[in-house]
C-alpha atoms as a PDB file:
ATOM      1  CA  MET A   1      14.017 -95.446 111.878  1.00  0.00           C
ATOM      2  CA  GLU A   2      12.282 -92.302 112.705  1.00  0.00           C
ATOM      3  CA  ALA A   3       8.540 -91.644 110.754  1.00  0.00           C
ATOM      4  CA  ILE A   4       8.536 -88.604 108.600  1.00  0.00           C
ATOM      5  CA  ALA A   5       5.870 -86.128 109.517  1.00  0.00           C
ATOM      6  CA  MET A   6       3.124 -85.514 107.016  1.00  0.00           C
ATOM      7  CA  ILE A   7       2.738 -81.641 106.005  1.00  0.00           C
ATOM      8  CA  ARG A   8      -1.221 -81.031 105.886  1.00  0.00           C
ATOM      9  CA  LEU A   9      -1.826 -78.189 103.517  1.00  0.00           C
ATOM     10  CA  ARG A  10      -5.380 -77.129 102.572  1.00  0.00           C
ATOM     11  CA  LEU A  11      -6.603 -75.355  99.552  1.00  0.00           C
ATOM     12  CA  THR A  12      -9.653 -73.455 100.086  1.00  0.00           C
ATOM     13  CA  SER A  13     -11.256 -70.075  99.153  1.00  0.00           C
ATOM     14  CA  GLU A  14     -10.373 -67.482 101.366  1.00  0.00           C
ATOM     15  CA  TYR A  15     -10.464 -63.667 101.042  1.00  0.00           C
ATOM     16  CA  LEU A  16      -7.800 -61.573 101.045  1.00  0.00           C
ATOM     17  CA  ALA A  17      -5.541 -64.365 101.685  1.00  0.00           C
ATOM     18  CA  GLY A  18      -3.814 -67.369  99.377  1.00  0.00           C
ATOM     19  CA  PRO A  19      -5.506 -70.263  98.730  1.00  0.00           C
ATOM     20  CA  ILE A  20      -2.995 -72.603 100.556  1.00  0.00           C
ATOM     21  CA  PHE A  21      -3.053 -73.069 103.944  1.00  0.00           C
ATOM     22  CA  CYS A  22      -1.209 -75.025 106.341  1.00  0.00           C
ATOM     23  CA  PRO A  23      -3.106 -76.169 109.383  1.00  0.00           C
ATOM     24  CA  ASP A  24      -0.586 -77.950 111.537  1.00  0.00           C
ATOM     25  CA  PRO A  25      -0.049 -76.386 114.840  1.00  0.00           C
ATOM     26  CA  ASP A  26       3.793 -76.356 114.460  1.00  0.00           C
ATOM     27  CA  ARG A  27       3.671 -74.848 110.942  1.00  0.00           C
ATOM     28  CA  MET A  28       0.467 -72.694 110.795  1.00  0.00           C
ATOM     29  CA  GLY A  29      -0.173 -70.115 108.368  1.00  0.00           C
ATOM     30  CA  HIS A  30      -0.619 -69.560 104.821  1.00  0.00           C
ATOM     31  CA  VAL A  31       1.997 -71.017 102.324  1.00  0.00           C
ATOM     32  CA  ASP A  32       3.210 -69.382  99.165  1.00  0.00           C
ATOM     33  CA  ILE A  33       2.428 -71.489  96.402  1.00  0.00           C
ATOM     34  CA  GLU A  34       5.714 -70.461  95.316  1.00  0.00           C
ATOM     35  CA  ASP A  35       7.107 -72.362  97.878  1.00  0.00           C
ATOM     36  CA  LEU A  36       5.679 -75.735  96.981  1.00  0.00           C
ATOM     37  CA  PRO A  37       7.555 -78.135  94.572  1.00  0.00           C
ATOM     38  CA  ILE A  38       4.749 -78.178  92.022  1.00  0.00           C
ATOM     39  CA  SER A  39       4.599 -77.575  88.119  1.00  0.00           C
ATOM     40  CA  GLN A  40       4.381 -74.478  86.838  1.00  0.00           C
ATOM     41  CA  GLU A  41       1.177 -75.399  84.925  1.00  0.00           C
ATOM     42  CA  LEU A  42      -0.207 -76.480  88.158  1.00  0.00           C
ATOM     43  CA  MET A  43       0.713 -73.033  90.010  1.00  0.00           C
ATOM     44  CA  ALA A  44      -1.025 -71.238  87.169  1.00  0.00           C
ATOM     45  CA  LYS A  45      -4.395 -72.963  87.335  1.00  0.00           C
ATOM     46  CA  ILE A  46      -4.581 -72.446  91.482  1.00  0.00           C
ATOM     47  CA  ARG A  47      -3.825 -68.888  90.889  1.00  0.00           C
ATOM     48  CA  SER A  48      -6.155 -68.447  88.332  1.00  0.00           C
ATOM     49  CA  TRP A  49      -8.891 -70.178  90.503  1.00  0.00           C
ATOM     50  CA  ASP A  50      -8.069 -68.255  93.343  1.00  0.00           C
ATOM     51  CA  GLU A  51      -8.315 -64.879  91.297  1.00  0.00           C
ATOM     52  CA  GLU A  52     -11.919 -65.903  89.995  1.00  0.00           C
ATOM     53  CA  TYR A  53     -12.860 -66.171  94.036  1.00  0.00           C
ATOM     54  CA  GLN A  54     -11.126 -63.318  94.988  1.00  0.00           C
ATOM     55  CA  ALA A  55     -13.134 -61.104  92.311  1.00  0.00           C
ATOM     56  CA  THR A  56     -16.212 -61.948  93.817  1.00  0.00           C
ATOM     57  CA  PHE A  57     -15.184 -59.937  97.001  1.00  0.00           C
ATOM     58  CA  ASN A  58     -17.232 -56.981  97.585  1.00  0.00           C
ATOM     59  CA  SER A  59     -15.388 -54.310  99.412  1.00  0.00           C
ATOM     60  CA  ASP A  60     -18.061 -51.932 100.269  1.00  0.00           C
ATOM     61  CA  TYR A  61     -20.007 -54.781 101.881  1.00  0.00           C
ATOM     62  CA  PRO A  62     -18.348 -58.347 102.493  1.00  0.00           C
ATOM     63  CA  PRO A  63     -21.358 -60.090 103.444  1.00  0.00           C
ATOM     64  CA  ASP A  64     -22.554 -59.559  99.754  1.00  0.00           C
ATOM     65  CA  SER A  65     -19.481 -61.185  98.330  1.00  0.00           C
ATOM     66  CA  VAL A  66     -20.959 -63.844  96.243  1.00  0.00           C
ATOM     67  CA  PHE A  67     -20.453 -65.659  92.848  1.00  0.00           C
ATOM     68  CA  PRO A  68     -22.652 -64.130  89.948  1.00  0.00           C
ATOM     69  CA  THR A  69     -24.513 -67.359  89.636  1.00  0.00           C
ATOM     70  CA  LEU A  70     -24.966 -70.668  91.701  1.00  0.00           C
ATOM     71  CA  GLU A  71     -23.744 -72.613  88.662  1.00  0.00           C
ATOM     72  CA  ALA A  72     -20.437 -70.679  88.714  1.00  0.00           C
ATOM     73  CA  GLU A  73     -19.852 -71.115  92.531  1.00  0.00           C
ATOM     74  CA  LEU A  74     -20.564 -75.005  92.100  1.00  0.00           C
ATOM     75  CA  ARG A  75     -18.243 -75.000  88.871  1.00  0.00           C
ATOM     76  CA  HIS A  76     -15.629 -73.055  91.131  1.00  0.00           C
ATOM     77  CA  LYS A  77     -15.980 -75.710  94.050  1.00  0.00           C
ATOM     78  CA  ALA A  78     -15.708 -78.765  91.750  1.00  0.00           C
ATOM     79  CA  GLU A  79     -12.667 -76.967  89.920  1.00  0.00           C
ATOM     80  CA  GLY A  80     -10.928 -76.937  93.508  1.00  0.00           C
ATOM     81  CA  MET A  81     -11.576 -80.454  94.262  1.00  0.00           C
ATOM     82  CA  GLN A  82      -9.790 -81.453  91.054  1.00  0.00           C
ATOM     83  CA  LEU A  83      -7.053 -79.057  91.887  1.00  0.00           C
ATOM     84  CA  ALA A  84      -6.663 -80.607  95.302  1.00  0.00           C
ATOM     85  CA  LYS A  85      -6.047 -83.975  93.671  1.00  0.00           C
ATOM     86  CA  SER A  86      -3.753 -82.659  91.196  1.00  0.00           C
ATOM     87  CA  LEU A  87      -1.924 -81.049  93.994  1.00  0.00           C
ATOM     88  CA  GLN A  88      -1.763 -84.130  95.889  1.00  0.00           C
ATOM     89  CA  GLN A  89      -0.275 -86.129  93.034  1.00  0.00           C
ATOM     90  CA  GLU A  90       2.393 -83.684  92.468  1.00  0.00           C
ATOM     91  CA  LEU A  91       3.643 -83.319  95.874  1.00  0.00           C
ATOM     92  CA  LYS A  92       3.366 -87.272  96.546  1.00  0.00           C
ATOM     93  CA  GLY A  93       4.444 -88.736 100.152  1.00  0.00           C
ATOM     94  CA  GLY A  94       5.349 -86.200 102.557  1.00  0.00           C
ATOM     95  CA  TYR A  95       2.078 -84.015 102.151  1.00  0.00           C
ATOM     96  CA  MET A  96      -1.661 -84.401 102.574  1.00  0.00           C
ATOM     97  CA  ILE A  97      -4.005 -82.341 100.948  1.00  0.00           C
ATOM     98  CA  GLU A  98      -7.256 -81.381 102.211  1.00  0.00           C
ATOM     99  CA  TYR A  99      -9.862 -79.541 100.189  1.00  0.00           C
ATOM    100  CA  TRP A 100     -12.158 -76.719 102.073  1.00  0.00           C
ATOM    101  CA  PRO A 101     -14.935 -75.354  99.860  1.00  0.00           C
END
């Protein structure tokens, strides 16, 4: 019996890129959330979470890209951790979800 390869996915906040990334060498790259077998509700939550992060991008001077307050940044990171747990629950076996704040 052949072992099923676990697909690693990383939920992360990255400017100008989607929130889901596959770090596996043979599959490396960003993953379109629409391609994952997850609920529309979870997709919407992840999109909203990513949009919140993207809204902090300062295109005039990217190093100045920050959340308006430390509390907003900490809340965003905590929400990301919860979303990663939800993603793992919905994807079940075959996937390993990592969260990179």
